[in-house]
Amino acid sequence: MRALSVRAGLVGKAPCQPDFLRINAASPLAFQLQRWLVEGVEAARAARCELPSGTASFLFTAPKAKNVLLGVFAPSTDGVGRAFPLALFTELPATTAAHRLALLPMVFHPFLTEGAALLDAAASLALPVLTARVDALPFPPSGAFSEAERLWRGTLARRRGAELLEPLRRPEDPPGGAYYAFHTFRTACAGEQHRQQGTAQVVLECPIAPGLGPSAWLELATRLLHWTSSPPAFIWSGAPEPRLLLCLGAMTPDLFLHLSRTNQGGRRVWPLRTPREAAIGQATQALTEPQRQRIDSPTTNLEELLHALSC
């Protein structure tokens, strides 16, 4: 499956331009991404906080849009030194992304990896060179989704559920944190299932196991939400610690504040970790005995864990 645009696009600011830069970015959705970046930067400045300092991959959606943007953004500046992100993306059918959400990080891994490297180099590139590098980015070959599906099913059967649980457990937190995490995830998906074509009111902050990436959380969201026409938006990054910000709907500009000020929560952000014993106790009671057994068993594989949690 090729990307809808069959090429990459770029929006934001780079030193080779005095103001906004757009390459292959004439679609309505690309303009909405640019507006989201502008409003996010304005929200961060109004709150007197720094812009996000690291590179992050994203899936951008808009209410009732038929396509989505998958890409990566990084900090940058324009030709006169004003800080503003630079985002590289490709456009996909929303239905494809909804049905194959967990596969996107795998299928587009070369695109996202080389895209991140290009953003890192963009500060030293002249506009013609930057444009040529954008046009040369790799796209998935025919059959990439089928191969990724085969590999993913093998991963679910082979890898242990304990790998997904590991980053949920912090030494300073009470026991039972995994119960709280999965109950919170299930509760959010059940409560926000009606927002498939709307703006996210809840963002789940999911710690990522380095060896798994975001796909296990995306798989669980797919099974719980049952969204077919549009996927949940998301941002995932590796710094300061690997995490997925899963938006149950289209992302809002105030998400920039959380990207800049980690571990401070927010009115929309639901962390999957808590130090509150009472909340953990309530979550423990809310899960079924078979679900708790799957969470506790060291032999549970990922498929068994996700199946139990999505029932």
Protein backbone atom coordinates (compact mmCIF):
# COMPACT_ATOMS: atom_id res chain seq x y z
CA MET A 1 0.00 0.00 0.00
CA ARG A 2 1.41 3.38 -0.98
CA ALA A 3 0.70 6.56 0.91
CA LEU A 4 -2.19 8.56 -0.50
CA SER A 5 0.05 11.42 -1.59
CA VAL A 6 2.80 9.02 -2.80
CA ARG A 7 5.28 11.51 -1.37
CA ALA A 8 6.25 13.26 1.81
CA GLY A 9 5.28 16.76 2.85
CA LEU A 10 6.89 19.29 5.16
CA VAL A 11 5.43 22.20 7.15
CA GLY A 12 6.88 24.47 9.80
CA LYS A 13 9.99 26.58 9.95
CA ALA A 14 13.60 26.00 8.89
CA PRO A 15 16.66 28.27 8.71
CA CYS A 16 16.56 28.25 4.90
CA GLN A 17 13.32 30.31 4.97
CA PRO A 18 12.51 33.63 6.70
CA ASP A 19 9.01 32.44 7.59
CA PHE A 20 6.77 29.38 7.14
CA LEU A 21 8.01 26.60 4.91
CA ARG A 22 5.70 24.27 3.01
CA ILE A 23 6.87 21.46 0.72
CA ASN A 24 4.24 19.19 -0.88
CA ALA A 25 1.80 20.51 1.72
CA ALA A 26 -1.17 21.92 -0.18
CA SER A 27 -3.86 19.56 1.13
CA PRO A 28 -6.50 20.82 3.59
CA LEU A 29 -5.19 18.41 6.21
CA ALA A 30 -1.65 19.75 5.86
CA PHE A 31 -2.96 23.26 6.51
CA GLN A 32 -4.80 21.94 9.58
CA LEU A 33 -1.55 20.43 10.84
CA GLN A 34 0.18 23.78 10.40
CA ARG A 35 -2.63 25.51 12.29
CA TRP A 36 -2.32 22.93 15.10
CA LEU A 37 1.41 23.67 15.34
CA VAL A 38 0.81 27.44 15.39
CA GLU A 39 -1.86 27.18 18.10
CA GLY A 40 0.28 24.76 20.11
CA VAL A 41 3.25 27.12 20.01
CA GLU A 42 1.01 30.04 21.03
CA ALA A 43 -0.41 28.00 23.94
CA ALA A 44 3.09 27.12 25.13
CA ARG A 45 4.25 30.72 24.97
CA ALA A 46 1.14 31.96 26.76
CA ALA A 47 1.90 29.48 29.55
CA ARG A 48 5.54 30.64 29.61
CA CYS A 49 6.93 27.19 28.93
CA GLU A 50 9.53 25.97 26.49
CA LEU A 51 8.56 24.30 23.23
CA PRO A 52 9.02 20.50 23.05
CA SER A 53 12.75 19.81 22.83
CA GLY A 54 12.81 16.34 21.31
CA THR A 55 11.83 14.55 18.13
CA ALA A 56 8.45 12.79 18.18
CA SER A 57 6.45 10.68 15.76
CA PHE A 58 2.76 11.42 15.33
CA LEU A 59 -0.53 10.46 13.74
CA PHE A 60 -2.55 13.61 13.09
CA THR A 61 -6.30 13.43 12.56
CA ALA A 62 -9.03 16.03 12.16
CA PRO A 63 -12.76 15.68 12.92
CA LYS A 64 -14.62 14.12 9.97
CA ALA A 65 -11.50 14.12 7.76
CA LYS A 66 -11.18 11.18 5.37
CA ASN A 67 -7.37 11.12 5.59
CA VAL A 68 -4.73 11.28 8.32
CA LEU A 69 -1.11 12.42 8.47
CA LEU A 70 1.62 10.12 9.77
CA GLY A 71 4.98 11.69 10.41
CA VAL A 72 7.58 13.13 12.73
CA PHE A 73 8.27 16.61 14.09
CA ALA A 74 11.29 18.21 15.74
CA PRO A 75 12.33 21.59 17.13
CA SER A 76 13.57 24.10 14.57
CA THR A 77 13.89 27.83 13.86
CA ASP A 78 13.21 30.08 10.90
CA GLY A 79 15.77 32.18 9.06
CA VAL A 80 15.78 34.88 11.74
CA GLY A 81 16.02 32.50 14.69
CA ARG A 82 12.41 32.24 15.88
CA ALA A 83 11.73 28.83 17.42
CA PHE A 84 9.03 26.74 15.76
CA PRO A 85 8.67 23.00 15.02
CA LEU A 86 9.31 21.42 11.64
CA ALA A 87 6.99 18.53 10.75
CA LEU A 88 7.45 15.92 8.03
CA PHE A 89 4.53 13.67 7.06
CA THR A 90 2.72 11.56 4.53
CA GLU A 91 -1.03 11.33 3.98
CA LEU A 92 -2.98 8.08 4.39
CA PRO A 93 -6.64 7.05 4.16
CA ALA A 94 -8.18 7.28 7.62
CA THR A 95 -9.83 3.87 7.25
CA THR A 96 -6.48 2.22 6.53
CA ALA A 97 -4.99 3.79 9.64
CA ALA A 98 -8.00 2.80 11.75
CA HIS A 99 -7.93 -0.86 10.73
CA ARG A 100 -4.13 -1.21 10.87
CA LEU A 101 -3.25 1.17 13.66
CA ALA A 102 -0.79 -1.12 15.46
CA LEU A 103 1.08 -1.82 12.22
CA LEU A 104 1.81 1.80 11.29
CA PRO A 105 5.00 2.15 13.39
CA MET A 106 6.39 -1.02 11.79
CA VAL A 107 5.33 -0.44 8.20
CA PHE A 108 6.53 3.16 8.19
CA HIS A 109 9.63 2.63 10.34
CA PRO A 110 12.10 3.46 7.51
CA PHE A 111 10.11 6.56 6.56
CA LEU A 112 9.92 7.81 10.14
CA THR A 113 13.55 7.00 10.94
CA GLU A 114 14.95 8.68 7.84
CA GLY A 115 12.49 11.53 8.28
CA ALA A 116 13.77 12.16 11.81
CA ALA A 117 17.35 12.17 10.51
CA LEU A 118 16.37 14.66 7.82
CA LEU A 119 14.78 16.99 10.37
CA ASP A 120 17.96 16.80 12.40
CA ALA A 121 19.97 17.85 9.34
CA ALA A 122 17.51 20.47 8.07
CA ALA A 123 19.21 23.38 9.83
CA SER A 124 22.22 23.08 7.52
CA LEU A 125 20.38 22.44 4.23
CA ALA A 126 19.51 24.90 1.48
CA LEU A 127 15.91 24.81 0.28
CA PRO A 128 16.57 22.90 -3.00
CA VAL A 129 18.54 20.22 -1.14
CA LEU A 130 15.91 19.95 1.59
CA THR A 131 13.16 19.59 -1.02
CA ALA A 132 15.08 16.86 -2.85
CA ARG A 133 15.70 14.98 0.41
CA VAL A 134 12.00 15.16 1.30
CA ASP A 135 11.05 13.77 -2.12
CA ALA A 136 13.57 10.93 -1.74
CA LEU A 137 12.23 9.53 1.54
CA PRO A 138 11.31 5.82 1.39
CA PHE A 139 7.73 4.57 1.29
CA PRO A 140 6.46 1.07 2.16
CA PRO A 141 6.63 -1.41 -0.72
CA SER A 142 3.64 -3.35 -1.98
CA GLY A 143 2.68 -6.04 0.52
CA ALA A 144 4.26 -4.23 3.49
CA PHE A 145 1.10 -4.37 5.59
CA SER A 146 0.61 -8.10 4.99
CA GLU A 147 4.18 -8.84 6.03
CA ALA A 148 3.89 -6.57 9.07
CA GLU A 149 0.65 -8.31 10.07
CA ARG A 150 2.39 -11.70 9.94
CA LEU A 151 5.31 -10.46 12.02
CA TRP A 152 3.02 -8.73 14.53
CA ARG A 153 0.93 -11.86 15.11
CA GLY A 154 4.16 -13.72 15.79
CA THR A 155 5.25 -11.02 18.23
CA LEU A 156 1.95 -11.22 20.13
CA ALA A 157 2.35 -14.98 20.51
CA ARG A 158 6.06 -14.91 21.36
CA ARG A 159 6.53 -11.92 23.68
CA ARG A 160 5.46 -11.94 27.31
CA GLY A 161 2.82 -9.64 28.72
CA ALA A 162 5.29 -8.82 31.49
CA GLU A 163 7.25 -6.71 28.99
CA LEU A 164 4.29 -4.37 28.60
CA LEU A 165 3.86 -4.24 32.38
CA GLU A 166 7.47 -3.43 33.27
CA PRO A 167 7.41 0.36 32.66
CA LEU A 168 4.13 0.62 34.60
CA ARG A 169 5.92 -0.34 37.82
CA ARG A 170 7.94 2.32 39.60
CA PRO A 171 9.79 1.53 42.84
CA GLU A 172 8.13 4.43 44.67
CA ASP A 173 4.56 3.42 43.74
CA PRO A 174 2.34 0.99 45.69
CA PRO A 175 1.88 -2.57 44.36
CA GLY A 176 -0.88 -3.15 41.84
CA GLY A 177 0.00 -0.35 39.46
CA ALA A 178 -0.69 -2.53 36.44
CA TYR A 179 -4.28 -3.00 37.60
CA TYR A 180 -4.71 0.76 37.72
CA ALA A 181 -3.13 1.23 34.29
CA PHE A 182 -5.33 -1.25 32.49
CA HIS A 183 -8.51 -0.23 34.30
CA THR A 184 -7.81 3.41 33.41
CA PHE A 185 -7.15 2.51 29.78
CA ARG A 186 -10.34 0.43 29.54
CA THR A 187 -12.45 3.07 31.29
CA ALA A 188 -11.21 5.84 29.00
CA CYS A 189 -11.86 3.85 25.83
CA ALA A 190 -15.36 2.89 26.98
CA GLY A 191 -16.23 6.47 27.90
CA GLU A 192 -14.80 8.08 24.77
CA GLN A 193 -15.88 5.52 22.16
CA HIS A 194 -18.39 8.01 20.74
CA ARG A 195 -15.67 10.52 19.79
CA GLN A 196 -14.48 8.73 16.65
CA GLN A 197 -15.14 11.84 14.54
CA GLY A 198 -14.60 14.41 17.28
CA THR A 199 -11.93 16.19 19.29
CA ALA A 200 -10.19 14.28 22.06
CA GLN A 201 -11.24 15.08 25.61
CA VAL A 202 -8.96 12.36 27.03
CA VAL A 203 -5.30 11.66 26.29
CA LEU A 204 -3.84 8.46 27.73
CA GLU A 205 -0.18 8.72 28.74
CA CYS A 206 1.19 5.23 28.17
CA PRO A 207 4.74 4.28 29.23
CA ILE A 208 6.40 2.28 26.46
CA ALA A 209 8.57 -0.79 26.92
CA PRO A 210 11.68 -0.05 24.80
CA GLY A 211 11.65 -3.46 23.15
CA LEU A 212 7.97 -3.28 22.17
CA GLY A 213 7.37 0.26 20.97
CA PRO A 214 3.85 1.71 20.90
CA SER A 215 2.16 -1.09 18.95
CA ALA A 216 0.83 -3.08 21.93
CA TRP A 217 -1.04 -0.04 23.28
CA LEU A 218 -2.32 0.76 19.79
CA GLU A 219 -3.51 -2.83 19.41
CA LEU A 220 -5.41 -2.66 22.70
CA ALA A 221 -6.99 0.65 21.70
CA THR A 222 -8.10 -0.85 18.38
CA ARG A 223 -9.79 -3.76 20.15
CA LEU A 224 -11.53 -1.58 22.74
CA LEU A 225 -12.62 1.38 20.60
CA HIS A 226 -13.78 -0.53 17.48
CA TRP A 227 -13.22 2.60 15.39
CA THR A 228 -13.36 1.91 11.65
CA SER A 229 -13.65 5.28 9.91
CA SER A 230 -10.93 7.21 11.76
CA PRO A 231 -8.17 6.19 14.22
CA PRO A 232 -7.21 7.84 17.49
CA ALA A 233 -4.47 10.43 17.05
CA PHE A 234 -1.19 9.88 18.87
CA ILE A 235 2.32 11.14 19.57
CA TRP A 236 5.15 8.89 20.68
CA SER A 237 8.68 9.73 21.66
CA GLY A 238 11.70 8.26 23.38
CA ALA A 239 12.73 11.17 25.60
CA PRO A 240 12.85 11.88 28.46
CA GLU A 241 11.40 8.36 28.68
CA PRO A 242 9.59 6.30 26.03
CA ARG A 243 5.88 7.10 26.07
CA LEU A 244 2.79 7.20 23.89
CA LEU A 245 0.26 10.02 24.16
CA LEU A 246 -2.88 8.37 22.81
CA CYS A 247 -5.60 10.91 21.97
CA LEU A 248 -9.11 9.45 21.99
CA GLY A 249 -10.13 11.69 19.11
CA ALA A 250 -8.31 14.48 17.28
CA MET A 251 -5.46 16.10 19.23
CA THR A 252 -5.80 19.63 20.58
CA PRO A 253 -3.12 22.37 20.71
CA ASP A 254 -2.86 22.26 24.51
CA LEU A 255 -1.13 18.90 24.11
CA PHE A 256 1.99 20.99 23.43
CA LEU A 257 1.96 22.02 27.09
CA HIS A 258 2.20 18.40 28.19
CA LEU A 259 4.95 17.67 25.68
CA SER A 260 6.88 20.55 27.19
CA ARG A 261 6.06 19.92 30.86
CA THR A 262 6.19 16.17 31.39
CA ASN A 263 4.94 14.55 34.60
CA GLN A 264 2.63 17.49 35.34
CA GLY A 265 -0.53 16.01 33.90
CA GLY A 266 -3.22 18.23 32.45
CA ARG A 267 -6.95 18.50 32.26
CA ARG A 268 -7.13 16.06 29.35
CA VAL A 269 -4.15 13.83 30.17
CA TRP A 270 -4.73 10.59 32.07
CA PRO A 271 -1.44 9.02 33.25
CA LEU A 272 -1.46 5.23 33.52
CA ARG A 273 0.64 5.35 36.70
CA THR A 274 -0.44 6.61 40.12
CA PRO A 275 0.94 6.73 43.67
CA ARG A 276 -2.59 6.64 45.15
CA GLU A 277 -3.34 3.38 46.93
CA ALA A 278 -7.10 4.04 46.98
CA ALA A 279 -7.21 4.41 43.18
CA ILE A 280 -5.23 1.19 42.77
CA GLY A 281 -7.62 -0.59 45.13
CA GLN A 282 -10.67 0.55 43.17
CA ALA A 283 -9.06 -0.54 39.90
CA THR A 284 -8.23 -3.94 41.37
CA GLN A 285 -11.87 -4.49 42.27
CA ALA A 286 -13.07 -3.31 38.86
CA LEU A 287 -11.08 -5.91 36.92
CA THR A 288 -12.34 -9.48 36.71
CA GLU A 289 -10.49 -12.36 38.33
CA PRO A 290 -9.44 -13.82 34.93
CA GLN A 291 -8.07 -10.40 33.93
CA ARG A 292 -6.04 -10.11 37.13
CA GLN A 293 -4.73 -13.64 36.65
CA ARG A 294 -3.50 -12.83 33.15
CA ILE A 295 -1.83 -9.67 34.42
CA ASP A 296 -0.12 -11.54 37.28
CA SER A 297 1.01 -14.66 35.42
CA PRO A 298 4.65 -14.54 34.22
CA THR A 299 3.80 -16.96 31.40
CA THR A 300 1.02 -14.84 29.84
CA ASN A 301 1.93 -13.81 26.33
CA LEU A 302 0.92 -10.50 24.79
CA GLU A 303 -1.99 -11.94 22.84
CA GLU A 304 -3.45 -13.59 25.94
CA LEU A 305 -3.07 -10.37 27.93
CA LEU A 306 -4.63 -8.13 25.28
CA HIS A 307 -7.46 -10.61 24.69
CA ALA A 308 -8.29 -10.71 28.41
CA LEU A 309 -8.25 -6.93 28.67
CA SER A 310 -10.45 -6.40 25.63
CA CYS A 311 -13.20 -8.79 26.76
